PDB file of N, CA and C in Angstrom:
ATOM      1  N   MET A   1     -27.468  -5.794  43.081  1.00  0.00           N
ATOM      2  CA  MET A   1     -28.265  -6.078  41.806  1.00  0.00           C
ATOM      3  C   MET A   1     -29.151  -6.837  42.329  1.00  0.00           C
ATOM      4  N   SER A   2     -30.449  -6.665  42.144  1.00  0.00           N
ATOM      5  CA  SER A   2     -31.742  -6.987  42.827  1.00  0.00           C
ATOM      6  C   SER A   2     -32.503  -7.874  41.845  1.00  0.00           C
ATOM      7  N   THR A   3     -33.438  -9.260  42.228  1.00  0.00           N
ATOM      8  CA  THR A   3     -34.265  -9.658  41.390  1.00  0.00           C
ATOM      9  C   THR A   3     -35.694  -9.216  41.779  1.00  0.00           C
ATOM     10  N   PRO A   4     -36.566  -9.583  41.085  1.00  0.00           N
ATOM     11  CA  PRO A   4     -37.918  -9.712  41.647  1.00  0.00           C
ATOM     12  C   PRO A   4     -38.541 -10.722  42.718  1.00  0.00           C
ATOM     13  N   ASN A   5     -37.473 -11.683  42.603  1.00  0.00           N
ATOM     14  CA  ASN A   5     -37.835 -12.921  43.460  1.00  0.00           C
ATOM     15  C   ASN A   5     -37.246 -12.752  44.884  1.00  0.00           C
ATOM     16  N   THR A   6     -36.510 -11.553  45.358  1.00  0.00           N
ATOM     17  CA  THR A   6     -36.001 -11.462  46.648  1.00  0.00           C
ATOM     18  C   THR A   6     -36.750 -11.534  47.558  1.00  0.00           C
ATOM     19  N   THR A   7     -36.321 -11.973  48.724  1.00  0.00           N
ATOM     20  CA  THR A   7     -36.934 -12.200  50.287  1.00  0.00           C
ATOM     21  C   THR A   7     -36.781 -11.212  51.389  1.00  0.00           C
ATOM     22  N   GLY A   8     -37.053 -10.654  52.195  1.00  0.00           N
ATOM     23  CA  GLY A   8     -36.685 -10.126  53.170  1.00  0.00           C
ATOM     24  C   GLY A   8     -34.970 -10.639  54.140  1.00  0.00           C
ATOM     25  N   ASN A   9     -35.167 -11.661  54.576  1.00  0.00           N
ATOM     26  CA  ASN A   9     -34.256 -12.018  55.705  1.00  0.00           C
ATOM     27  C   ASN A   9     -33.985 -13.366  54.688  1.00  0.00           C
ATOM     28  N   GLY A  10     -32.712 -13.039  53.529  1.00  0.00           N
ATOM     29  CA  GLY A  10     -32.095 -14.340  53.189  1.00  0.00           C
ATOM     30  C   GLY A  10     -30.537 -14.667  53.459  1.00  0.00           C
ATOM     31  N   ARG A  11     -30.228 -15.668  53.571  1.00  0.00           N
ATOM     32  CA  ARG A  11     -28.970 -16.249  54.111  1.00  0.00           C
ATOM     33  C   ARG A  11     -27.634 -15.266  52.932  1.00  0.00           C
ATOM     34  N   VAL A  12     -26.816 -14.785  53.276  1.00  0.00           N
ATOM     35  CA  VAL A  12     -26.009 -14.051  52.456  1.00  0.00           C
ATOM     36  C   VAL A  12     -24.683 -14.801  53.071  1.00  0.00           C
ATOM     37  N   LEU A  13     -24.225 -15.327  51.664  1.00  0.00           N
ATOM     38  CA  LEU A  13     -22.873 -16.367  51.779  1.00  0.00           C
ATOM     39  C   LEU A  13     -21.798 -15.610  51.172  1.00  0.00           C
ATOM     40  N   ARG A  14     -19.964 -15.891  50.956  1.00  0.00           N
ATOM     41  CA  ARG A  14     -19.438 -15.288  50.387  1.00  0.00           C
ATOM     42  C   ARG A  14     -18.550 -16.428  50.042  1.00  0.00           C
ATOM     43  N   GLY A  15     -18.452 -16.863  48.539  1.00  0.00           N
ATOM     44  CA  GLY A  15     -17.798 -17.272  48.065  1.00  0.00           C
ATOM     45  C   GLY A  15     -16.688 -17.209  46.617  1.00  0.00           C
ATOM     46  N   LYS A  16     -16.363 -17.994  46.252  1.00  0.00           N
ATOM     47  CA  LYS A  16     -15.421 -18.061  44.599  1.00  0.00           C
ATOM     48  C   LYS A  16     -16.250 -18.779  43.984  1.00  0.00           C
ATOM     49  N   VAL A  17     -16.328 -17.634  42.597  1.00  0.00           N
ATOM     50  CA  VAL A  17     -16.866 -18.410  41.191  1.00  0.00           C
ATOM     51  C   VAL A  17     -15.787 -19.295  40.731  1.00  0.00           C
ATOM     52  N   VAL A  18     -16.637 -20.437  40.674  1.00  0.00           N
ATOM     53  CA  VAL A  18     -15.738 -21.824  40.146  1.00  0.00           C
ATOM     54  C   VAL A  18     -16.566 -21.781  38.217  1.00  0.00           C
ATOM     55  N   SER A  19     -17.350 -21.139  38.301  1.00  0.00           N
ATOM     56  CA  SER A  19     -18.031 -21.615  36.794  1.00  0.00           C
ATOM     57  C   SER A  19     -18.683 -21.000  36.524  1.00  0.00           C
ATOM     58  N   SER A  20     -18.783 -20.153  35.098  1.00  0.00           N
ATOM     59  CA  SER A  20     -19.617 -18.640  35.110  1.00  0.00           C
ATOM     60  C   SER A  20     -20.017 -19.284  33.398  1.00  0.00           C
ATOM     61  N   LYS A  21     -20.215 -20.611  32.754  1.00  0.00           N
ATOM     62  CA  LYS A  21     -20.456 -21.215  31.345  1.00  0.00           C
ATOM     63  C   LYS A  21     -21.665 -21.200  31.528  1.00  0.00           C
ATOM     64  N   MET A  22     -23.056 -20.618  32.110  1.00  0.00           N
ATOM     65  CA  MET A  22     -24.225 -20.985  31.817  1.00  0.00           C
ATOM     66  C   MET A  22     -24.953 -19.597  31.832  1.00  0.00           C
ATOM     67  N   THR A  23     -25.961 -19.399  30.834  1.00  0.00           N
ATOM     68  CA  THR A  23     -26.283 -18.345  30.682  1.00  0.00           C
ATOM     69  C   THR A  23     -27.136 -17.811  32.055  1.00  0.00           C
ATOM     70  N   ASP A  24     -26.562 -16.711  32.627  1.00  0.00           N
ATOM     71  CA  ASP A  24     -27.170 -15.897  33.616  1.00  0.00           C
ATOM     72  C   ASP A  24     -27.052 -16.876  34.985  1.00  0.00           C
ATOM     73  N   THR A  25     -26.365 -17.705  35.053  1.00  0.00           N
ATOM     74  CA  THR A  25     -26.193 -18.329  36.064  1.00  0.00           C
ATOM     75  C   THR A  25     -24.360 -18.589  36.346  1.00  0.00           C
ATOM     76  N   ILE A  26     -24.604 -18.712  37.919  1.00  0.00           N
ATOM     77  CA  ILE A  26     -22.763 -18.608  38.127  1.00  0.00           C
ATOM     78  C   ILE A  26     -23.160 -20.000  39.253  1.00  0.00           C
ATOM     79  N   SER A  27     -21.958 -20.537  39.141  1.00  0.00           N
ATOM     80  CA  SER A  27     -21.736 -21.503  40.488  1.00  0.00           C
ATOM     81  C   SER A  27     -20.797 -20.982  41.186  1.00  0.00           C
ATOM     82  N   VAL A  28     -21.209 -21.368  42.222  1.00  0.00           N
ATOM     83  CA  VAL A  28     -20.072 -20.871  43.605  1.00  0.00           C
ATOM     84  C   VAL A  28     -19.960 -21.314  44.702  1.00  0.00           C
ATOM     85  N   ALA A  29     -18.472 -21.617  44.977  1.00  0.00           N
ATOM     86  CA  ALA A  29     -17.889 -22.500  45.851  1.00  0.00           C
ATOM     87  C   ALA A  29     -17.839 -22.178  47.336  1.00  0.00           C
ATOM     88  N   VAL A  30     -18.430 -22.242  48.029  1.00  0.00           N
ATOM     89  CA  VAL A  30     -18.655 -21.803  49.646  1.00  0.00           C
ATOM     90  C   VAL A  30     -17.696 -22.451  50.668  1.00  0.00           C
ATOM     91  N   GLU A  31     -16.947 -22.117  51.247  1.00  0.00           N
ATOM     92  CA  GLU A  31     -16.000 -23.032  52.028  1.00  0.00           C
ATOM     93  C   GLU A  31     -16.494 -22.325  53.600  1.00  0.00           C
ATOM     94  N   ARG A  32     -16.543 -23.299  54.592  1.00  0.00           N
ATOM     95  CA  ARG A  32     -16.339 -23.255  55.424  1.00  0.00           C
ATOM     96  C   ARG A  32     -16.166 -24.152  56.508  1.00  0.00           C
ATOM     97  N   TYR A  33     -15.707 -24.145  57.897  1.00  0.00           N
ATOM     98  CA  TYR A  33     -14.524 -24.339  58.895  1.00  0.00           C
ATOM     99  C   TYR A  33     -15.590 -25.058  59.847  1.00  0.00           C
ATOM    100  N   VAL A  34     -15.272 -26.694  59.972  1.00  0.00           N
ATOM    101  CA  VAL A  34     -16.058 -27.660  61.472  1.00  0.00           C
ATOM    102  C   VAL A  34     -15.308 -28.105  62.099  1.00  0.00           C
ATOM    103  N   LYS A  35     -16.019 -28.279  62.925  1.00  0.00           N
ATOM    104  CA  LYS A  35     -14.706 -28.665  63.928  1.00  0.00           C
ATOM    105  C   LYS A  35     -14.832 -30.168  64.151  1.00  0.00           C
ATOM    106  N   HIS A  36     -14.155 -31.075  64.137  1.00  0.00           N
ATOM    107  CA  HIS A  36     -14.667 -32.799  64.434  1.00  0.00           C
ATOM    108  C   HIS A  36     -14.459 -33.144  65.987  1.00  0.00           C
ATOM    109  N   PRO A  37     -16.229 -33.685  66.084  1.00  0.00           N
ATOM    110  CA  PRO A  37     -16.747 -33.982  67.663  1.00  0.00           C
ATOM    111  C   PRO A  37     -15.061 -34.470  68.272  1.00  0.00           C
ATOM    112  N   LYS A  38     -14.880 -35.422  67.665  1.00  0.00           N
ATOM    113  CA  LYS A  38     -13.830 -36.584  68.444  1.00  0.00           C
ATOM    114  C   LYS A  38     -12.201 -35.847  68.806  1.00  0.00           C
ATOM    115  N   TYR A  39     -11.679 -35.378  67.676  1.00  0.00           N
ATOM    116  CA  TYR A  39     -10.097 -35.231  67.649  1.00  0.00           C
ATOM    117  C   TYR A  39     -10.388 -33.504  67.299  1.00  0.00           C
ATOM    118  N   LYS A  40     -11.198 -33.128  67.354  1.00  0.00           N
ATOM    119  CA  LYS A  40     -11.391 -31.232  67.692  1.00  0.00           C
ATOM    120  C   LYS A  40     -10.686 -31.050  66.678  1.00  0.00           C
ATOM    121  N   LYS A  41      -9.993 -31.491  65.352  1.00  0.00           N
ATOM    122  CA  LYS A  41      -9.036 -30.542  64.239  1.00  0.00           C
ATOM    123  C   LYS A  41     -10.549 -29.995  63.676  1.00  0.00           C
ATOM    124  N   TYR A  42     -10.052 -28.586  63.023  1.00  0.00           N
ATOM    125  CA  TYR A  42     -10.758 -28.201  62.317  1.00  0.00           C
ATOM    126  C   TYR A  42     -10.473 -28.577  60.894  1.00  0.00           C
ATOM    127  N   LEU A  43     -11.872 -28.856  59.480  1.00  0.00           N
ATOM    128  CA  LEU A  43     -11.105 -29.418  58.747  1.00  0.00           C
ATOM    129  C   LEU A  43     -12.615 -28.525  57.927  1.00  0.00           C
ATOM    130  N   LYS A  44     -11.928 -28.411  56.913  1.00  0.00           N
ATOM    131  CA  LYS A  44     -12.506 -27.652  55.786  1.00  0.00           C
ATOM    132  C   LYS A  44     -13.379 -28.139  54.390  1.00  0.00           C
ATOM    133  N   ARG A  45     -14.662 -27.656  54.708  1.00  0.00           N
ATOM    134  CA  ARG A  45     -16.155 -28.593  54.302  1.00  0.00           C
ATOM    135  C   ARG A  45     -16.251 -26.898  53.013  1.00  0.00           C
ATOM    136  N   THR A  46     -17.013 -27.730  51.861  1.00  0.00           N
ATOM    137  CA  THR A  46     -17.184 -26.368  50.471  1.00  0.00           C
ATOM    138  C   THR A  46     -18.350 -27.386  49.854  1.00  0.00           C
ATOM    139  N   LYS A  47     -19.350 -26.336  49.814  1.00  0.00           N
ATOM    140  CA  LYS A  47     -20.560 -26.642  49.260  1.00  0.00           C
ATOM    141  C   LYS A  47     -20.530 -25.966  48.063  1.00  0.00           C
ATOM    142  N   LYS A  48     -21.335 -26.262  46.709  1.00  0.00           N
ATOM    143  CA  LYS A  48     -21.444 -25.180  45.888  1.00  0.00           C
ATOM    144  C   LYS A  48     -23.367 -25.273  45.402  1.00  0.00           C
ATOM    145  N   PHE A  49     -22.830 -23.787  45.410  1.00  0.00           N
ATOM    146  CA  PHE A  49     -24.264 -23.238  45.059  1.00  0.00           C
ATOM    147  C   PHE A  49     -24.428 -22.747  43.715  1.00  0.00           C
ATOM    148  N   LEU A  50     -25.612 -22.812  42.940  1.00  0.00           N
ATOM    149  CA  LEU A  50     -25.852 -21.925  41.731  1.00  0.00           C
ATOM    150  C   LEU A  50     -27.023 -20.726  42.182  1.00  0.00           C
ATOM    151  N   ALA A  51     -25.658 -19.449  41.748  1.00  0.00           N
ATOM    152  CA  ALA A  51     -26.930 -18.407  42.171  1.00  0.00           C
ATOM    153  C   ALA A  51     -26.769 -17.307  40.550  1.00  0.00           C
ATOM    154  N   HIS A  52     -28.032 -16.695  40.341  1.00  0.00           N
ATOM    155  CA  HIS A  52     -28.250 -15.493  39.762  1.00  0.00           C
ATOM    156  C   HIS A  52     -27.578 -14.726  39.482  1.00  0.00           C
ATOM    157  N   ASP A  53     -26.993 -14.818  37.999  1.00  0.00           N
ATOM    158  CA  ASP A  53     -25.982 -13.497  37.355  1.00  0.00           C
ATOM    159  C   ASP A  53     -26.588 -12.960  36.699  1.00  0.00           C
ATOM    160  N   ALA A  54     -27.349 -11.909  36.715  1.00  0.00           N
ATOM    161  CA  ALA A  54     -28.121 -11.146  35.619  1.00  0.00           C
ATOM    162  C   ALA A  54     -27.025 -10.849  34.499  1.00  0.00           C
ATOM    163  N   GLY A  55     -26.769 -10.597  33.388  1.00  0.00           N
ATOM    164  CA  GLY A  55     -25.901 -10.321  32.149  1.00  0.00           C
ATOM    165  C   GLY A  55     -24.689 -10.864  32.547  1.00  0.00           C
ATOM    166  N   ASN A  56     -24.285 -12.007  33.252  1.00  0.00           N
ATOM    167  CA  ASN A  56     -22.912 -12.547  33.526  1.00  0.00           C
ATOM    168  C   ASN A  56     -21.976 -11.914  33.475  1.00  0.00           C
ATOM    169  N   THR A  57     -21.856 -10.855  34.520  1.00  0.00           N
ATOM    170  CA  THR A  57     -21.161 -10.157  35.201  1.00  0.00           C
ATOM    171  C   THR A  57     -19.710 -10.779  35.866  1.00  0.00           C
ATOM    172  N   ALA A  58     -20.163 -11.959  36.752  1.00  0.00           N
ATOM    173  CA  ALA A  58     -18.729 -12.001  37.546  1.00  0.00           C
ATOM    174  C   ALA A  58     -17.646 -12.795  36.820  1.00  0.00           C
ATOM    175  N   LYS A  59     -16.723 -13.179  36.963  1.00  0.00           N
ATOM    176  CA  LYS A  59     -15.877 -13.644  36.196  1.00  0.00           C
ATOM    177  C   LYS A  59     -15.710 -15.046  37.016  1.00  0.00           C
ATOM    178  N   VAL A  60     -14.766 -16.160  36.734  1.00  0.00           N
ATOM    179  CA  VAL A  60     -13.870 -17.270  37.394  1.00  0.00           C
ATOM    180  C   VAL A  60     -12.839 -16.671  38.335  1.00  0.00           C
ATOM    181  N   GLY A  61     -12.907 -17.150  39.359  1.00  0.00           N
ATOM    182  CA  GLY A  61     -11.947 -16.919  40.355  1.00  0.00           C
ATOM    183  C   GLY A  61     -12.803 -15.757  41.355  1.00  0.00           C
ATOM    184  N   GLU A  62     -13.857 -14.936  41.232  1.00  0.00           N
ATOM    185  CA  GLU A  62     -14.002 -13.376  42.088  1.00  0.00           C
ATOM    186  C   GLU A  62     -14.289 -13.943  42.997  1.00  0.00           C
ATOM    187  N   THR A  63     -14.292 -13.412  43.642  1.00  0.00           N
ATOM    188  CA  THR A  63     -14.995 -13.546  45.209  1.00  0.00           C
ATOM    189  C   THR A  63     -16.333 -12.770  45.212  1.00  0.00           C
ATOM    190  N   VAL A  64     -17.723 -13.415  45.390  1.00  0.00           N
ATOM    191  CA  VAL A  64     -18.268 -12.780  45.653  1.00  0.00           C
ATOM    192  C   VAL A  64     -19.817 -13.114  46.650  1.00  0.00           C
ATOM    193  N   GLU A  65     -20.550 -12.203  46.942  1.00  0.00           N
ATOM    194  CA  GLU A  65     -21.637 -12.659  48.020  1.00  0.00           C
ATOM    195  C   GLU A  65     -22.551 -13.004  47.335  1.00  0.00           C
ATOM    196  N   ILE A  66     -23.450 -13.886  47.859  1.00  0.00           N
ATOM    197  CA  ILE A  66     -24.524 -14.050  47.036  1.00  0.00           C
ATOM    198  C   ILE A  66     -26.173 -14.368  48.241  1.00  0.00           C
ATOM    199  N   LYS A  67     -27.247 -14.079  47.952  1.00  0.00           N
ATOM    200  CA  LYS A  67     -28.053 -14.260  48.786  1.00  0.00           C
ATOM    201  C   LYS A  67     -29.252 -15.258  48.740  1.00  0.00           C
ATOM    202  N   GLU A  68     -29.650 -15.063  49.628  1.00  0.00           N
ATOM    203  CA  GLU A  68     -30.751 -16.673  49.534  1.00  0.00           C
ATOM    204  C   GLU A  68     -32.396 -15.911  49.044  1.00  0.00           C
ATOM    205  N   VAL A  69     -32.940 -15.879  48.048  1.00  0.00           N
ATOM    206  CA  VAL A  69     -33.913 -16.085  46.840  1.00  0.00           C
ATOM    207  C   VAL A  69     -34.858 -17.169  46.986  1.00  0.00           C
ATOM    208  N   ASN A  70     -36.682 -16.352  46.825  1.00  0.00           N
ATOM    209  CA  ASN A  70     -37.319 -17.571  46.192  1.00  0.00           C
ATOM    210  C   ASN A  70     -36.438 -18.119  45.023  1.00  0.00           C
ATOM    211  N   PRO A  71     -36.882 -19.411  45.153  1.00  0.00           N
ATOM    212  CA  PRO A  71     -36.320 -20.194  44.358  1.00  0.00           C
ATOM    213  C   PRO A  71     -37.192 -19.674  42.647  1.00  0.00           C
ATOM    214  N   ILE A  72     -35.395 -19.205  41.959  1.00  0.00           N
ATOM    215  CA  ILE A  72     -35.476 -19.305  40.733  1.00  0.00           C
ATOM    216  C   ILE A  72     -35.566 -20.324  39.352  1.00  0.00           C
ATOM    217  N   SER A  73     -35.359 -21.434  39.686  1.00  0.00           N
ATOM    218  CA  SER A  73     -35.294 -22.803  39.038  1.00  0.00           C
ATOM    219  C   SER A  73     -34.825 -24.201  39.833  1.00  0.00           C
ATOM    220  N   LYS A  74     -35.094 -25.240  39.503  1.00  0.00           N
ATOM    221  CA  LYS A  74     -34.762 -26.972  40.278  1.00  0.00           C
ATOM    222  C   LYS A  74     -34.016 -26.192  41.352  1.00  0.00           C
ATOM    223  N   ARG A  75     -32.678 -26.030  40.673  1.00  0.00           N
ATOM    224  CA  ARG A  75     -31.546 -26.117  41.845  1.00  0.00           C
ATOM    225  C   ARG A  75     -30.730 -24.547  42.440  1.00  0.00           C
ATOM    226  N   LYS A  76     -31.027 -23.574  41.610  1.00  0.00           N
ATOM    227  CA  LYS A  76     -31.275 -21.955  42.066  1.00  0.00           C
ATOM    228  C   LYS A  76     -32.329 -21.255  42.613  1.00  0.00           C
ATOM    229  N   SER A  77     -31.325 -20.851  43.894  1.00  0.00           N
ATOM    230  CA  SER A  77     -32.228 -19.953  44.738  1.00  0.00           C
ATOM    231  C   SER A  77     -31.307 -19.115  45.337  1.00  0.00           C
ATOM    232  N   PHE A  78     -30.104 -18.471  44.762  1.00  0.00           N
ATOM    233  CA  PHE A  78     -29.731 -17.776  45.214  1.00  0.00           C
ATOM    234  C   PHE A  78     -29.103 -16.466  44.035  1.00  0.00           C
ATOM    235  N   ALA A  79     -28.736 -15.020  44.585  1.00  0.00           N
ATOM    236  CA  ALA A  79     -28.639 -14.123  43.436  1.00  0.00           C
ATOM    237  C   ALA A  79     -27.714 -13.098  44.337  1.00  0.00           C
ATOM    238  N   LEU A  80     -26.488 -13.224  42.760  1.00  0.00           N
ATOM    239  CA  LEU A  80     -25.603 -12.575  43.226  1.00  0.00           C
ATOM    240  C   LEU A  80     -26.124 -11.169  43.782  1.00  0.00           C
ATOM    241  N   VAL A  81     -25.270 -10.280  44.662  1.00  0.00           N
ATOM    242  CA  VAL A  81     -25.328  -9.365  45.416  1.00  0.00           C
ATOM    243  C   VAL A  81     -24.292  -8.447  44.916  1.00  0.00           C
ATOM    244  N   THR A  82     -22.713  -8.991  45.527  1.00  0.00           N
ATOM    245  CA  THR A  82     -21.792  -7.993  45.306  1.00  0.00           C
ATOM    246  C   THR A  82     -20.655  -8.868  44.717  1.00  0.00           C
ATOM    247  N   THR A  83     -19.661  -8.016  44.140  1.00  0.00           N
ATOM    248  CA  THR A  83     -18.404  -8.775  43.669  1.00  0.00           C
ATOM    249  C   THR A  83     -17.153  -7.891  44.148  1.00  0.00           C
ATOM    250  N   LYS A  84     -16.085  -8.662  44.435  1.00  0.00           N
ATOM    251  CA  LYS A  84     -15.542  -7.994  45.096  1.00  0.00           C
ATOM    252  C   LYS A  84     -13.814  -8.418  44.567  1.00  0.00           C
TER     253      LYS A  84
END
């Protein structure tokens, strides 16, 4: 699924859809592991991104891949690539 705003080499992130209530937009939670500098324990950090989903194809709970594109709106700079 591509949009007219795609760039050549954007970041591709994998995450879980946590909201799909908006029109043509999904909210994707992306988790990453970060090592604590002092205690050397790995911590889970989560960040939510808004992604363009033309046709509202993704459902809550699905694992998706999103790709960085030119800004579509103030907070939306990613587009849906695949649904798993």
